C-alpha atoms as a PDB file:
ATOM      1  CA  MET A   1     119.198 158.069 -39.219  1.00  0.00           C
ATOM      2  CA  CYS A   2     117.511 157.536 -35.871  1.00  0.00           C
ATOM      3  CA  THR A   3     119.534 159.229 -33.156  1.00  0.00           C
ATOM      4  CA  THR A   4     118.112 156.861 -30.569  1.00  0.00           C
ATOM      5  CA  CYS A   5     120.123 153.942 -31.927  1.00  0.00           C
ATOM      6  CA  GLY A   6     121.867 155.188 -35.087  1.00  0.00           C
ATOM      7  CA  CYS A   7     119.908 152.971 -37.490  1.00  0.00           C
ATOM      8  CA  GLY A   8     118.639 154.117 -40.871  1.00  0.00           C
ATOM      9  CA  GLN A   9     115.136 155.377 -41.591  1.00  0.00           C
ATOM     10  CA  GLY A  10     112.803 155.608 -44.550  1.00  0.00           C
ATOM     11  CA  GLU A  11     113.391 152.164 -46.061  1.00  0.00           C
ATOM     12  CA  THR A  12     110.781 150.138 -44.229  1.00  0.00           C
ATOM     13  CA  ARG A  13     108.613 147.877 -46.370  1.00  0.00           C
ATOM     14  CA  ILE A  14     105.662 145.738 -45.320  1.00  0.00           C
ATOM     15  CA  ASP A  15     105.243 142.696 -47.568  1.00  0.00           C
ATOM     16  CA  GLY A  16     106.958 144.514 -50.409  1.00  0.00           C
ATOM     17  CA  ASN A  17     105.154 147.841 -50.003  1.00  0.00           C
ATOM     18  CA  ASP A  18     106.723 150.979 -48.595  1.00  0.00           C
ATOM     19  CA  VAL A  19     105.399 151.641 -45.098  1.00  0.00           C
ATOM     20  CA  HIS A  20     104.203 155.094 -46.171  1.00  0.00           C
ATOM     21  CA  ASP A  21     101.880 153.661 -48.845  1.00  0.00           C
ATOM     22  CA  HIS A  22      99.087 153.119 -46.327  1.00  0.00           C
ATOM     23  CA  ASP A  23      96.586 155.959 -46.791  1.00  0.00           C
ATOM     24  CA  HIS A  24      98.252 158.725 -44.922  1.00  0.00           C
ATOM     25  CA  ALA A  25      99.899 161.995 -45.719  1.00  0.00           C
ATOM     26  CA  HIS A  26     103.222 162.064 -44.028  1.00  0.00           C
ATOM     27  CA  GLY A  27     105.678 164.548 -42.698  1.00  0.00           C
ATOM     28  CA  HIS A  28     109.000 164.389 -40.957  1.00  0.00           C
ATOM     29  CA  GLU A  29     111.239 166.418 -38.775  1.00  0.00           C
ATOM     30  CA  HIS A  30     114.633 166.769 -40.424  1.00  0.00           C
ATOM     31  CA  THR A  31     117.639 167.710 -38.335  1.00  0.00           C
ATOM     32  CA  HIS A  32     120.752 168.814 -40.181  1.00  0.00           C
ATOM     33  CA  ALA A  33     124.357 168.906 -39.084  1.00  0.00           C
ATOM     34  CA  ASP A  34     124.082 172.563 -38.121  1.00  0.00           C
ATOM     35  CA  GLY A  35     121.229 171.763 -35.746  1.00  0.00           C
ATOM     36  CA  THR A  36     118.545 173.493 -37.825  1.00  0.00           C
ATOM     37  CA  THR A  37     115.211 171.750 -38.108  1.00  0.00           C
ATOM     38  CA  HIS A  38     112.117 171.868 -40.259  1.00  0.00           C
ATOM     39  CA  SER A  39     109.082 169.713 -39.779  1.00  0.00           C
ATOM     40  CA  HIS A  40     105.748 168.891 -41.394  1.00  0.00           C
ATOM     41  CA  PRO A  41     102.901 167.279 -39.480  1.00  0.00           C
ATOM     42  CA  HIS A  42     100.936 164.399 -40.893  1.00  0.00           C
ATOM     43  CA  GLU A  43      97.880 162.384 -40.070  1.00  0.00           C
ATOM     44  CA  HIS A  44      97.220 158.679 -40.365  1.00  0.00           C
ATOM     45  CA  ALA A  45      93.925 157.289 -41.553  1.00  0.00           C
ATOM     46  CA  HIS A  46      93.974 153.675 -40.568  1.00  0.00           C
ATOM     47  CA  GLY A  47      91.098 151.426 -41.408  1.00  0.00           C
ATOM     48  CA  ASP A  48      89.528 148.563 -39.458  1.00  0.00           C
ATOM     49  CA  GLY A  49      88.856 150.729 -36.437  1.00  0.00           C
ATOM     50  CA  HIS A  50      92.540 151.467 -35.846  1.00  0.00           C
ATOM     51  CA  ASP A  51      92.894 155.221 -36.252  1.00  0.00           C
ATOM     52  CA  HIS A  52      95.901 157.465 -35.779  1.00  0.00           C
ATOM     53  CA  ALA A  53      95.847 161.252 -35.840  1.00  0.00           C
ATOM     54  CA  HIS A  54      99.052 162.686 -34.483  1.00  0.00           C
ATOM     55  CA  ALA A  55     102.420 163.912 -35.669  1.00  0.00           C
ATOM     56  CA  HIS A  56     105.264 161.484 -36.289  1.00  0.00           C
ATOM     57  CA  ALA A  57     108.926 162.447 -36.597  1.00  0.00           C
ATOM     58  CA  HIS A  58     112.078 160.782 -37.818  1.00  0.00           C
ATOM     59  CA  ALA A  59     115.448 162.389 -37.247  1.00  0.00           C
ATOM     60  CA  TYR A  60     117.942 162.429 -40.101  1.00  0.00           C
ATOM     61  CA  VAL A  61     121.621 163.077 -39.457  1.00  0.00           C
ATOM     62  CA  PRO A  62     124.838 162.216 -41.316  1.00  0.00           C
ATOM     63  CA  ALA A  63     125.778 158.543 -41.478  1.00  0.00           C
ATOM     64  CA  HIS A  64     128.395 156.674 -39.429  1.00  0.00           C
ATOM     65  CA  SER A  65     127.546 158.438 -36.172  1.00  0.00           C
ATOM     66  CA  HIS A  66     124.575 158.987 -33.947  1.00  0.00           C
ATOM     67  CA  ALA A  67     124.423 162.741 -34.529  1.00  0.00           C
ATOM     68  CA  PRO A  68     127.690 164.424 -35.556  1.00  0.00           C
ATOM     69  CA  GLY A  69     127.443 168.195 -35.577  1.00  0.00           C
ATOM     70  CA  VAL A  70     124.111 168.241 -33.719  1.00  0.00           C
ATOM     71  CA  PRO A  71     124.299 169.807 -30.247  1.00  0.00           C
ATOM     72  CA  GLU A  72     123.963 167.319 -27.419  1.00  0.00           C
ATOM     73  CA  SER A  73     120.861 169.005 -26.006  1.00  0.00           C
ATOM     74  CA  ARG A  74     119.194 168.869 -29.425  1.00  0.00           C
ATOM     75  CA  ARG A  75     120.147 165.212 -29.907  1.00  0.00           C
ATOM     76  CA  VAL A  76     118.657 164.286 -26.540  1.00  0.00           C
ATOM     77  CA  GLN A  77     115.468 166.154 -27.415  1.00  0.00           C
ATOM     78  CA  ILE A  78     115.220 164.312 -30.744  1.00  0.00           C
ATOM     79  CA  GLU A  79     115.639 160.974 -28.975  1.00  0.00           C
ATOM     80  CA  GLN A  80     112.961 161.881 -26.456  1.00  0.00           C
ATOM     81  CA  ASP A  81     110.618 162.962 -29.240  1.00  0.00           C
ATOM     82  CA  ILE A  82     111.137 159.733 -31.165  1.00  0.00           C
ATOM     83  CA  LEU A  83     110.428 157.575 -28.128  1.00  0.00           C
ATOM     84  CA  ALA A  84     107.458 159.706 -27.077  1.00  0.00           C
ATOM     85  CA  LYS A  85     105.884 159.423 -30.520  1.00  0.00           C
ATOM     86  CA  ASN A  86     106.573 155.699 -30.569  1.00  0.00           C
ATOM     87  CA  ASP A  87     104.882 155.366 -27.183  1.00  0.00           C
ATOM     88  CA  ALA A  88     101.832 157.206 -28.537  1.00  0.00           C
ATOM     89  CA  TYR A  89     101.560 154.705 -31.394  1.00  0.00           C
ATOM     90  CA  ALA A  90     102.102 151.854 -28.928  1.00  0.00           C
ATOM     91  CA  ARG A  91      99.233 153.049 -26.756  1.00  0.00           C
ATOM     92  CA  GLU A  92      96.948 153.050 -29.782  1.00  0.00           C
ATOM     93  CA  ASN A  93      98.131 149.579 -30.796  1.00  0.00           C
ATOM     94  CA  ARG A  94      97.532 148.330 -27.262  1.00  0.00           C
ATOM     95  CA  ALA A  95      94.022 149.800 -27.177  1.00  0.00           C
ATOM     96  CA  PHE A  96      93.257 148.243 -30.566  1.00  0.00           C
ATOM     97  CA  LEU A  97      94.477 144.819 -29.414  1.00  0.00           C
ATOM     98  CA  SER A  98      92.723 145.089 -26.073  1.00  0.00           C
ATOM     99  CA  GLY A  99      89.454 145.914 -27.808  1.00  0.00           C
ATOM    100  CA  ARG A 100      89.696 142.610 -29.672  1.00  0.00           C
ATOM    101  CA  ARG A 101      91.124 140.784 -26.658  1.00  0.00           C
ATOM    102  CA  VAL A 102      94.184 139.787 -28.682  1.00  0.00           C
ATOM    103  CA  PHE A 103      97.162 138.542 -26.646  1.00  0.00           C
ATOM    104  CA  ALA A 104     100.216 140.116 -28.306  1.00  0.00           C
ATOM    105  CA  LEU A 105     103.817 139.157 -27.612  1.00  0.00           C
ATOM    106  CA  ASN A 106     107.031 140.824 -28.752  1.00  0.00           C
ATOM    107  CA  LEU A 107     109.657 138.104 -29.262  1.00  0.00           C
ATOM    108  CA  VAL A 108     113.165 139.527 -28.951  1.00  0.00           C
ATOM    109  CA  SER A 109     116.599 137.951 -29.116  1.00  0.00           C
ATOM    110  CA  SER A 110     119.973 138.082 -30.818  1.00  0.00           C
ATOM    111  CA  PRO A 111     120.200 136.674 -34.367  1.00  0.00           C
ATOM    112  CA  GLY A 112     120.223 132.887 -34.560  1.00  0.00           C
ATOM    113  CA  SER A 113     118.505 132.195 -31.246  1.00  0.00           C
ATOM    114  CA  GLY A 114     115.932 129.963 -32.939  1.00  0.00           C
ATOM    115  CA  LYS A 115     112.891 132.267 -32.692  1.00  0.00           C
ATOM    116  CA  THR A 116     111.397 131.335 -36.057  1.00  0.00           C
ATOM    117  CA  THR A 117     111.822 127.584 -35.589  1.00  0.00           C
ATOM    118  CA  LEU A 118     110.271 127.890 -32.141  1.00  0.00           C
ATOM    119  CA  LEU A 119     107.397 129.898 -33.637  1.00  0.00           C
ATOM    120  CA  VAL A 120     106.761 127.280 -36.318  1.00  0.00           C
ATOM    121  CA  LYS A 121     106.648 124.476 -33.741  1.00  0.00           C
ATOM    122  CA  THR A 122     104.439 126.569 -31.470  1.00  0.00           C
ATOM    123  CA  ILE A 123     101.929 127.313 -34.228  1.00  0.00           C
ATOM    124  CA  GLU A 124     101.800 123.662 -35.243  1.00  0.00           C
ATOM    125  CA  ALA A 125     101.201 122.611 -31.631  1.00  0.00           C
ATOM    126  CA  LEU A 126      98.444 125.209 -31.174  1.00  0.00           C
ATOM    127  CA  LYS A 127      96.404 124.095 -34.176  1.00  0.00           C
ATOM    128  CA  ASN A 128      92.758 123.604 -33.137  1.00  0.00           C
ATOM    129  CA  ARG A 129      93.632 125.224 -29.790  1.00  0.00           C
ATOM    130  CA  ALA A 130      94.237 128.892 -30.647  1.00  0.00           C
ATOM    131  CA  THR A 131      94.245 131.224 -33.639  1.00  0.00           C
ATOM    132  CA  VAL A 132      97.717 132.616 -34.289  1.00  0.00           C
ATOM    133  CA  ALA A 133      98.870 135.505 -36.473  1.00  0.00           C
ATOM    134  CA  VAL A 134     102.481 136.618 -36.865  1.00  0.00           C
ATOM    135  CA  ILE A 135     104.314 139.826 -37.721  1.00  0.00           C
ATOM    136  CA  GLU A 136     107.857 139.082 -38.875  1.00  0.00           C
ATOM    137  CA  GLY A 137     110.621 141.670 -38.580  1.00  0.00           C
ATOM    138  CA  ASP A 138     113.857 141.378 -40.574  1.00  0.00           C
ATOM    139  CA  GLN A 139     116.118 143.810 -42.352  1.00  0.00           C
ATOM    140  CA  GLN A 140     115.637 141.964 -45.654  1.00  0.00           C
ATOM    141  CA  THR A 141     113.881 138.937 -47.246  1.00  0.00           C
ATOM    142  CA  SER A 142     110.508 137.315 -46.563  1.00  0.00           C
ATOM    143  CA  GLN A 143     111.987 133.912 -45.701  1.00  0.00           C
ATOM    144  CA  ASP A 144     110.713 133.852 -42.125  1.00  0.00           C
ATOM    145  CA  ALA A 145     107.198 134.955 -43.081  1.00  0.00           C
ATOM    146  CA  ASP A 146     107.175 132.267 -45.779  1.00  0.00           C
ATOM    147  CA  ARG A 147     108.066 129.640 -43.163  1.00  0.00           C
ATOM    148  CA  ILE A 148     105.237 130.831 -40.942  1.00  0.00           C
ATOM    149  CA  ARG A 149     102.704 130.868 -43.798  1.00  0.00           C
ATOM    150  CA  ALA A 150     103.649 127.276 -44.607  1.00  0.00           C
ATOM    151  CA  THR A 151     102.085 126.290 -41.281  1.00  0.00           C
ATOM    152  CA  GLY A 152      98.760 127.782 -42.364  1.00  0.00           C
ATOM    153  CA  ALA A 153      99.044 130.795 -40.063  1.00  0.00           C
ATOM    154  CA  THR A 154      98.671 134.338 -41.342  1.00  0.00           C
ATOM    155  CA  ALA A 155     101.927 136.313 -41.421  1.00  0.00           C
ATOM    156  CA  VAL A 156     102.975 139.801 -42.478  1.00  0.00           C
ATOM    157  CA  GLN A 157     106.635 140.552 -43.226  1.00  0.00           C
ATOM    158  CA  ILE A 158     108.190 143.879 -42.240  1.00  0.00           C
ATOM    159  CA  ASN A 159     111.581 144.600 -43.792  1.00  0.00           C
ATOM    160  CA  THR A 160     113.295 147.410 -41.927  1.00  0.00           C
ATOM    161  CA  GLY A 161     116.075 148.072 -44.455  1.00  0.00           C
ATOM    162  CA  LYS A 162     118.837 149.753 -42.480  1.00  0.00           C
ATOM    163  CA  GLY A 163     116.689 149.783 -39.349  1.00  0.00           C
ATOM    164  CA  CYS A 164     117.676 147.478 -36.510  1.00  0.00           C
ATOM    165  CA  HIS A 165     114.326 147.170 -34.720  1.00  0.00           C
ATOM    166  CA  LEU A 166     110.578 147.325 -35.203  1.00  0.00           C
ATOM    167  CA  ASP A 167     108.624 150.292 -33.899  1.00  0.00           C
ATOM    168  CA  ALA A 168     104.971 150.759 -33.014  1.00  0.00           C
ATOM    169  CA  HIS A 169     104.264 152.721 -36.203  1.00  0.00           C
ATOM    170  CA  MET A 170     105.379 149.809 -38.392  1.00  0.00           C
ATOM    171  CA  VAL A 171     103.455 147.298 -36.312  1.00  0.00           C
ATOM    172  CA  GLY A 172     100.291 149.394 -36.445  1.00  0.00           C
ATOM    173  CA  HIS A 173     100.397 149.299 -40.244  1.00  0.00           C
ATOM    174  CA  ALA A 174     101.136 145.574 -40.313  1.00  0.00           C
ATOM    175  CA  MET A 175      98.185 144.831 -38.036  1.00  0.00           C
ATOM    176  CA  GLN A 176      95.862 146.351 -40.639  1.00  0.00           C
ATOM    177  CA  GLN A 177      96.719 143.440 -42.935  1.00  0.00           C
ATOM    178  CA  LEU A 178      95.818 140.834 -40.327  1.00  0.00           C
ATOM    179  CA  ALA A 179      92.257 139.748 -39.668  1.00  0.00           C
ATOM    180  CA  LEU A 180      92.795 139.489 -35.917  1.00  0.00           C
ATOM    181  CA  SER A 181      89.961 137.534 -34.358  1.00  0.00           C
ATOM    182  CA  GLU A 182      88.900 137.875 -30.742  1.00  0.00           C
ATOM    183  CA  ARG A 183      90.793 135.824 -28.165  1.00  0.00           C
ATOM    184  CA  SER A 184      93.586 135.202 -30.658  1.00  0.00           C
ATOM    185  CA  LEU A 185      97.372 135.276 -30.329  1.00  0.00           C
ATOM    186  CA  LEU A 186      99.614 137.769 -32.132  1.00  0.00           C
ATOM    187  CA  MET A 187     103.309 136.932 -32.161  1.00  0.00           C
ATOM    188  CA  ILE A 188     105.643 139.747 -33.227  1.00  0.00           C
ATOM    189  CA  GLU A 189     109.098 138.442 -34.097  1.00  0.00           C
ATOM    190  CA  ASN A 190     111.397 141.426 -33.770  1.00  0.00           C
ATOM    191  CA  VAL A 191     114.640 141.994 -35.647  1.00  0.00           C
ATOM    192  CA  GLY A 192     117.506 140.003 -34.102  1.00  0.00           C
ATOM    193  CA  ASN A 193     119.090 142.539 -31.760  1.00  0.00           C
ATOM    194  CA  LEU A 194     119.480 142.543 -27.971  1.00  0.00           C
ATOM    195  CA  VAL A 195     119.857 146.327 -27.688  1.00  0.00           C
ATOM    196  CA  CYS A 196     117.431 148.637 -29.511  1.00  0.00           C
ATOM    197  CA  PRO A 197     114.160 146.647 -29.329  1.00  0.00           C
ATOM    198  CA  ALA A 198     114.276 146.996 -25.548  1.00  0.00           C
ATOM    199  CA  ALA A 199     113.492 150.721 -25.858  1.00  0.00           C
ATOM    200  CA  PHE A 200     110.579 150.483 -28.302  1.00  0.00           C
ATOM    201  CA  ASP A 201     107.151 149.518 -27.001  1.00  0.00           C
ATOM    202  CA  LEU A 202     105.058 147.978 -29.786  1.00  0.00           C
ATOM    203  CA  GLY A 203     101.807 147.746 -27.844  1.00  0.00           C
ATOM    204  CA  GLU A 204     102.447 144.163 -26.780  1.00  0.00           C
ATOM    205  CA  ALA A 205     101.276 142.537 -23.560  1.00  0.00           C
ATOM    206  CA  HIS A 206     104.766 141.162 -22.869  1.00  0.00           C
ATOM    207  CA  LYS A 207     108.262 141.052 -24.266  1.00  0.00           C
ATOM    208  CA  VAL A 208     109.562 137.483 -24.407  1.00  0.00           C
ATOM    209  CA  VAL A 209     113.335 137.240 -24.669  1.00  0.00           C
ATOM    210  CA  VAL A 210     114.737 134.100 -26.293  1.00  0.00           C
ATOM    211  CA  LEU A 211     118.221 133.117 -25.144  1.00  0.00           C
ATOM    212  CA  SER A 212     119.848 130.203 -26.917  1.00  0.00           C
ATOM    213  CA  VAL A 213     122.180 128.008 -24.890  1.00  0.00           C
ATOM    214  CA  THR A 214     124.700 128.434 -27.715  1.00  0.00           C
ATOM    215  CA  GLU A 215     125.109 132.132 -26.868  1.00  0.00           C
ATOM    216  CA  GLY A 216     126.622 132.094 -23.391  1.00  0.00           C
ATOM    217  CA  GLU A 217     125.065 132.417 -19.965  1.00  0.00           C
ATOM    218  CA  ASP A 218     126.316 135.984 -19.425  1.00  0.00           C
ATOM    219  CA  LYS A 219     124.023 137.604 -22.034  1.00  0.00           C
ATOM    220  CA  PRO A 220     121.559 138.925 -19.400  1.00  0.00           C
ATOM    221  CA  ILE A 221     124.228 140.998 -17.665  1.00  0.00           C
ATOM    222  CA  LYS A 222     125.824 142.092 -20.958  1.00  0.00           C
ATOM    223  CA  TYR A 223     122.476 143.277 -22.328  1.00  0.00           C
ATOM    224  CA  PRO A 224     120.523 144.078 -19.150  1.00  0.00           C
ATOM    225  CA  ASP A 225     117.971 146.453 -20.676  1.00  0.00           C
ATOM    226  CA  MET A 226     116.451 143.702 -22.790  1.00  0.00           C
ATOM    227  CA  PHE A 227     116.199 141.194 -19.964  1.00  0.00           C
ATOM    228  CA  ARG A 228     114.877 143.889 -17.632  1.00  0.00           C
ATOM    229  CA  ALA A 229     112.127 144.721 -20.131  1.00  0.00           C
ATOM    230  CA  ALA A 230     111.067 141.090 -20.644  1.00  0.00           C
ATOM    231  CA  SER A 231     108.437 139.222 -18.663  1.00  0.00           C
ATOM    232  CA  LEU A 232     109.614 135.783 -19.757  1.00  0.00           C
ATOM    233  CA  MET A 233     112.938 134.280 -20.799  1.00  0.00           C
ATOM    234  CA  LEU A 234     112.846 131.214 -22.998  1.00  0.00           C
ATOM    235  CA  LEU A 235     116.080 129.295 -22.615  1.00  0.00           C
ATOM    236  CA  ASN A 236     116.101 127.756 -26.071  1.00  0.00           C
ATOM    237  CA  LYS A 237     117.893 124.864 -27.827  1.00  0.00           C
ATOM    238  CA  CYS A 238     118.194 122.939 -24.570  1.00  0.00           C
ATOM    239  CA  ASP A 239     118.613 119.720 -26.554  1.00  0.00           C
ATOM    240  CA  LEU A 240     122.186 120.930 -27.204  1.00  0.00           C
ATOM    241  CA  LEU A 241     123.139 121.227 -23.530  1.00  0.00           C
ATOM    242  CA  PRO A 242     124.951 117.837 -23.402  1.00  0.00           C
ATOM    243  CA  HIS A 243     127.310 119.154 -26.079  1.00  0.00           C
ATOM    244  CA  LEU A 244     127.977 122.590 -24.588  1.00  0.00           C
ATOM    245  CA  ASP A 245     129.700 124.172 -21.632  1.00  0.00           C
ATOM    246  CA  PHE A 246     126.674 126.226 -20.592  1.00  0.00           C
ATOM    247  CA  ASP A 247     125.654 126.851 -16.988  1.00  0.00           C
ATOM    248  CA  VAL A 248     121.845 126.951 -16.900  1.00  0.00           C
ATOM    249  CA  ASP A 249     121.649 127.965 -13.248  1.00  0.00           C
ATOM    250  CA  GLN A 250     124.113 130.805 -13.816  1.00  0.00           C
ATOM    251  CA  ALA A 251     122.175 132.089 -16.832  1.00  0.00           C
ATOM    252  CA  ILE A 252     118.976 132.169 -14.788  1.00  0.00           C
ATOM    253  CA  ALA A 253     120.758 133.838 -11.877  1.00  0.00           C
ATOM    254  CA  TYR A 254     122.124 136.532 -14.183  1.00  0.00           C
ATOM    255  CA  ALA A 255     118.656 137.125 -15.666  1.00  0.00           C
ATOM    256  CA  ARG A 256     117.130 137.480 -12.206  1.00  0.00           C
ATOM    257  CA  ARG A 257     119.939 139.758 -11.097  1.00  0.00           C
ATOM    258  CA  VAL A 258     118.735 142.368 -13.608  1.00  0.00           C
ATOM    259  CA  ASN A 259     115.043 141.378 -13.419  1.00  0.00           C
ATOM    260  CA  PRO A 260     114.050 139.531 -10.225  1.00  0.00           C
ATOM    261  CA  GLY A 261     110.519 138.947 -11.503  1.00  0.00           C
ATOM    262  CA  ILE A 262     111.381 137.379 -14.858  1.00  0.00           C
ATOM    263  CA  GLU A 263     109.862 133.966 -15.538  1.00  0.00           C
ATOM    264  CA  VAL A 264     112.081 131.311 -17.120  1.00  0.00           C
ATOM    265  CA  LEU A 265     111.175 128.289 -19.225  1.00  0.00           C
ATOM    266  CA  ARG A 266     113.616 125.777 -20.668  1.00  0.00           C
ATOM    267  CA  VAL A 267     112.537 124.775 -24.170  1.00  0.00           C
ATOM    268  CA  SER A 268     113.648 122.920 -27.271  1.00  0.00           C
ATOM    269  CA  ALA A 269     111.723 123.032 -30.518  1.00  0.00           C
ATOM    270  CA  LYS A 270     113.677 119.983 -31.680  1.00  0.00           C
ATOM    271  CA  SER A 271     113.178 117.637 -28.721  1.00  0.00           C
ATOM    272  CA  GLY A 272     109.949 119.137 -27.422  1.00  0.00           C
ATOM    273  CA  GLU A 273     111.396 119.824 -23.977  1.00  0.00           C
ATOM    274  CA  GLY A 274     109.396 122.477 -22.145  1.00  0.00           C
ATOM    275  CA  MET A 275     106.937 122.985 -24.991  1.00  0.00           C
ATOM    276  CA  ASP A 276     103.934 121.975 -22.878  1.00  0.00           C
ATOM    277  CA  ASP A 277     104.817 124.638 -20.301  1.00  0.00           C
ATOM    278  CA  TRP A 278     105.312 127.239 -23.029  1.00  0.00           C
ATOM    279  CA  LEU A 279     101.987 126.368 -24.661  1.00  0.00           C
ATOM    280  CA  ALA A 280     100.219 126.511 -21.295  1.00  0.00           C
ATOM    281  CA  TRP A 281     101.720 129.968 -20.679  1.00  0.00           C
ATOM    282  CA  LEU A 282     100.427 131.133 -24.058  1.00  0.00           C
ATOM    283  CA  GLU A 283      96.962 129.657 -23.613  1.00  0.00           C
ATOM    284  CA  LYS A 284      96.649 131.303 -20.218  1.00  0.00           C
ATOM    285  CA  GLY A 285      97.473 134.655 -21.806  1.00  0.00           C
ATOM    286  CA  VAL A 286      94.991 134.161 -24.650  1.00  0.00           C
ATOM    287  CA  ALA A 287      92.319 133.269 -22.099  1.00  0.00           C
ATOM    288  CA  GLY A 288      93.038 136.486 -20.274  1.00  0.00           C
ATOM    289  CA  GLY A 289      94.682 134.867 -17.269  1.00  0.00           C
END
């Protein structure tokens, strides 16, 4: 279990293969209920010019709690170690992407916000305008990756098992399976969760938070860390506004209360509202603007 968020570890699979089946010897730091620890370092040998060579640790503690029986000081240290190691992977991912001038986005939201439908429409609209690859994050199934592949775009599915977010280590492995061309767009669709993904840098250029108008305008102040971490908020499913009691201005005000610099676009994959602005924002990023 990860003491940072309490989610499970060790069950991640990338397109049906265990995440540890990618040419590296691995080791973990195990923390038991009595606070004792043993660890084994490991090195990663990534191909395609994307090399890792540093220790990586997961923390394992009894289920149903963040860290029962582990001293608070030790739990905090474990959390700091996990995030520090994630940040190291993220820096390598970012350098890898920068070297290929790939514009990478981390799409985050609660479940059911419409991320995958928006992605499908975006990819279809960008045909002959930009090369798009996708990394899909879900606890189980490859349904979203299958929908993306149906558009003709390349997609890799990460199933996190009990995990509730992607991390930079997973994404680094998934990128090995993508032939990322220069000046292309990489869209990382994170697991539906407005809490934990805010803390985990994946090496992306920006986090883009998708807020559906069916969710309520107070989400930004209920989950401030996510909206604070995002560069752009997509207010999605705006075609439904005539049927809902949703205050657009209030939602934007709440978002800017926690993040004054956040950009906001109103979009609808169904009606096409705002899609031109969204596509222009993407194309500017791919061009390096």
